[in-house]
Amino acid sequence: MFYVWLVLAIVLGLIEVFTVNLVSIWFVISSILAMITSMFTDNLYIQIGVFVLIGILLMPISKRIYNKIKKNNISTNVDRIIGMTGIVTEDITKDTIGEVKVDGKRWSAYSNDNINKGEVVKVVKINSVKLYVERISD
């Protein structure tokens, strides 16, 4: 059973790599622990029990960690660009989506104002994959 748990850990690890949503990471860890358990016992029920229980027990721990990060307002990934300034690379009008460059990356952007290429804007919020920006007053 050692190799079955090893293959399961690898498959679940690959799923985790391609989904980036912490979908299966806990079961990767639990399958590794079940693999280690298989070195000490041949009882399949014990191995499966370790796999299931550890996987289920790890999920609430991740929830607590996530809540602690959110509570402390630690910016992660995209959230950190809110409040940053950027340069308009394609005109933004009330009716059309333009483009801004923020933190070295180009983003689709919209605004309630007409903003011309080359003007400096501030990122107010993120709506899906578009930035809502406002012109920075001179």
Protein backbone atom coordinates (compact mmCIF):
# COMPACT_ATOMS: atom_id res chain seq x y z
CA MET A 1 0.00 0.00 0.00
CA PHE A 2 3.01 2.28 0.40
CA TYR A 3 3.13 2.96 -3.34
CA VAL A 4 -0.62 3.52 -3.59
CA TRP A 5 -0.38 6.28 -0.97
CA LEU A 6 2.68 7.71 -2.73
CA VAL A 7 0.85 7.85 -6.08
CA LEU A 8 -2.20 9.39 -4.38
CA ALA A 9 0.00 12.06 -2.76
CA ILE A 10 1.58 12.89 -6.12
CA VAL A 11 -1.78 13.04 -7.94
CA LEU A 12 -3.34 15.22 -5.24
CA GLY A 13 -0.23 17.40 -5.24
CA LEU A 14 -0.53 17.92 -8.99
CA ILE A 15 -4.21 18.81 -8.59
CA GLU A 16 -3.22 21.36 -5.95
CA VAL A 17 -0.54 22.88 -8.18
CA PHE A 18 -2.97 23.37 -11.05
CA THR A 19 -5.92 24.67 -9.00
CA VAL A 20 -4.10 27.06 -6.60
CA ASN A 21 -7.15 27.19 -4.33
CA LEU A 22 -6.03 24.93 -1.49
CA VAL A 23 -8.39 22.26 -2.72
CA SER A 24 -6.41 19.14 -1.91
CA ILE A 25 -3.33 20.20 0.05
CA TRP A 26 -4.70 18.74 3.28
CA PHE A 27 -5.22 15.37 1.66
CA VAL A 28 -1.71 15.48 0.19
CA ILE A 29 -0.43 15.77 3.76
CA SER A 30 -2.81 13.08 5.03
CA SER A 31 -1.84 10.70 2.21
CA ILE A 32 1.84 11.16 3.14
CA LEU A 33 0.98 10.35 6.76
CA ALA A 34 -1.04 7.33 5.61
CA MET A 35 1.97 6.25 3.55
CA ILE A 36 4.17 6.48 6.65
CA THR A 37 1.53 4.54 8.61
CA SER A 38 1.64 1.80 5.94
CA MET A 39 5.28 1.18 6.85
CA PHE A 40 4.21 0.22 10.39
CA THR A 41 0.94 -1.63 9.80
CA ASP A 42 -0.69 -3.58 6.99
CA ASN A 43 -4.17 -2.82 8.32
CA LEU A 44 -5.91 -0.95 5.51
CA TYR A 45 -8.62 0.40 7.84
CA ILE A 46 -6.02 2.14 10.01
CA GLN A 47 -4.32 3.64 6.95
CA ILE A 48 -7.60 4.92 5.52
CA GLY A 49 -8.59 6.21 8.96
CA VAL A 50 -5.35 8.19 9.19
CA PHE A 51 -5.89 9.56 5.69
CA VAL A 52 -9.47 10.68 6.30
CA LEU A 53 -9.09 11.94 9.88
CA ILE A 54 -5.92 13.95 9.28
CA GLY A 55 -7.36 15.46 6.08
CA ILE A 56 -10.55 16.49 7.84
CA LEU A 57 -8.74 17.80 10.93
CA LEU A 58 -6.40 19.97 8.87
CA MET A 59 -9.24 21.85 7.13
CA PRO A 60 -10.44 23.85 10.18
CA ILE A 61 -6.84 24.73 10.99
CA SER A 62 -6.50 26.37 7.58
CA LYS A 63 -9.76 28.25 8.17
CA ARG A 64 -8.37 29.69 11.41
CA ILE A 65 -5.15 30.74 9.70
CA TYR A 66 -7.14 32.38 6.88
CA ASN A 67 -9.40 34.23 9.35
CA LYS A 68 -6.38 35.46 11.30
CA ILE A 69 -4.79 36.82 8.13
CA LYS A 70 -8.05 38.55 7.12
CA LYS A 71 -8.54 39.92 10.65
CA ASN A 72 -5.10 41.52 10.60
CA ASN A 73 -5.83 43.02 7.16
CA ILE A 74 -2.74 41.48 5.66
CA SER A 75 -2.94 42.14 1.94
CA THR A 76 -2.49 39.06 -0.16
CA ASN A 77 -1.89 38.82 -3.87
CA VAL A 78 -4.15 41.20 -5.79
CA ASP A 79 -5.59 43.02 -2.74
CA ARG A 80 -2.26 44.72 -2.15
CA ILE A 81 -2.63 46.93 -5.25
CA ILE A 82 -5.68 48.69 -3.83
CA GLY A 83 -4.50 52.20 -2.99
CA MET A 84 -1.52 52.04 -5.37
CA THR A 85 -1.08 54.50 -8.19
CA GLY A 86 -0.80 53.63 -11.85
CA ILE A 87 -0.42 55.14 -15.29
CA VAL A 88 -3.24 55.03 -17.83
CA THR A 89 -2.00 53.23 -20.96
CA GLU A 90 -5.31 53.35 -22.88
CA ASP A 91 -7.94 56.09 -22.49
CA ILE A 92 -10.72 55.39 -20.02
CA THR A 93 -14.17 56.86 -20.62
CA LYS A 94 -17.47 56.41 -18.84
CA ASP A 95 -18.63 54.06 -21.59
CA THR A 96 -15.45 52.11 -22.38
CA ILE A 97 -12.93 50.14 -20.43
CA GLY A 98 -9.37 51.36 -20.71
CA GLU A 99 -6.08 50.07 -19.40
CA VAL A 100 -3.69 51.03 -16.60
CA LYS A 101 -0.27 49.85 -15.60
CA VAL A 102 0.01 49.20 -11.86
CA ASP A 103 2.93 47.51 -10.12
CA GLY A 104 4.44 46.62 -13.50
CA LYS A 105 1.33 44.83 -14.75
CA ARG A 106 -1.36 45.93 -17.20
CA TRP A 107 -4.97 45.83 -16.02
CA SER A 108 -8.33 46.57 -17.59
CA ALA A 109 -9.76 49.59 -15.80
CA TYR A 110 -12.90 51.69 -15.61
CA SER A 111 -13.88 54.95 -13.96
CA ASN A 112 -16.75 57.40 -13.61
CA ASP A 113 -14.53 60.04 -15.22
CA ASN A 114 -12.89 60.34 -18.61
CA ILE A 115 -9.16 59.77 -18.06
CA ASN A 116 -6.60 60.17 -20.81
CA LYS A 117 -3.57 58.08 -21.60
CA GLY A 118 -0.56 59.13 -19.51
CA GLU A 119 -2.53 60.39 -16.51
CA VAL A 120 -1.86 59.07 -13.03
CA VAL A 121 -4.68 57.23 -11.25
CA LYS A 122 -5.28 55.57 -7.91
CA VAL A 123 -6.74 52.04 -7.62
CA VAL A 124 -9.91 52.27 -5.52
CA LYS A 125 -11.21 48.71 -5.76
CA ILE A 126 -11.07 45.52 -7.77
CA ASN A 127 -14.20 44.23 -9.48
CA SER A 128 -13.59 40.77 -10.87
CA VAL A 129 -10.52 41.30 -13.07
CA LYS A 130 -11.04 45.03 -13.65
CA LEU A 131 -9.76 47.89 -11.58
CA TYR A 132 -11.94 50.81 -10.59
CA VAL A 133 -9.66 53.85 -10.65
CA GLU A 134 -9.88 57.55 -9.90
CA ARG A 135 -7.81 60.38 -11.29
CA ILE A 136 -5.32 61.81 -8.83
CA SER A 137 -5.90 65.54 -8.49
CA ASP A 138 -3.02 67.85 -9.35
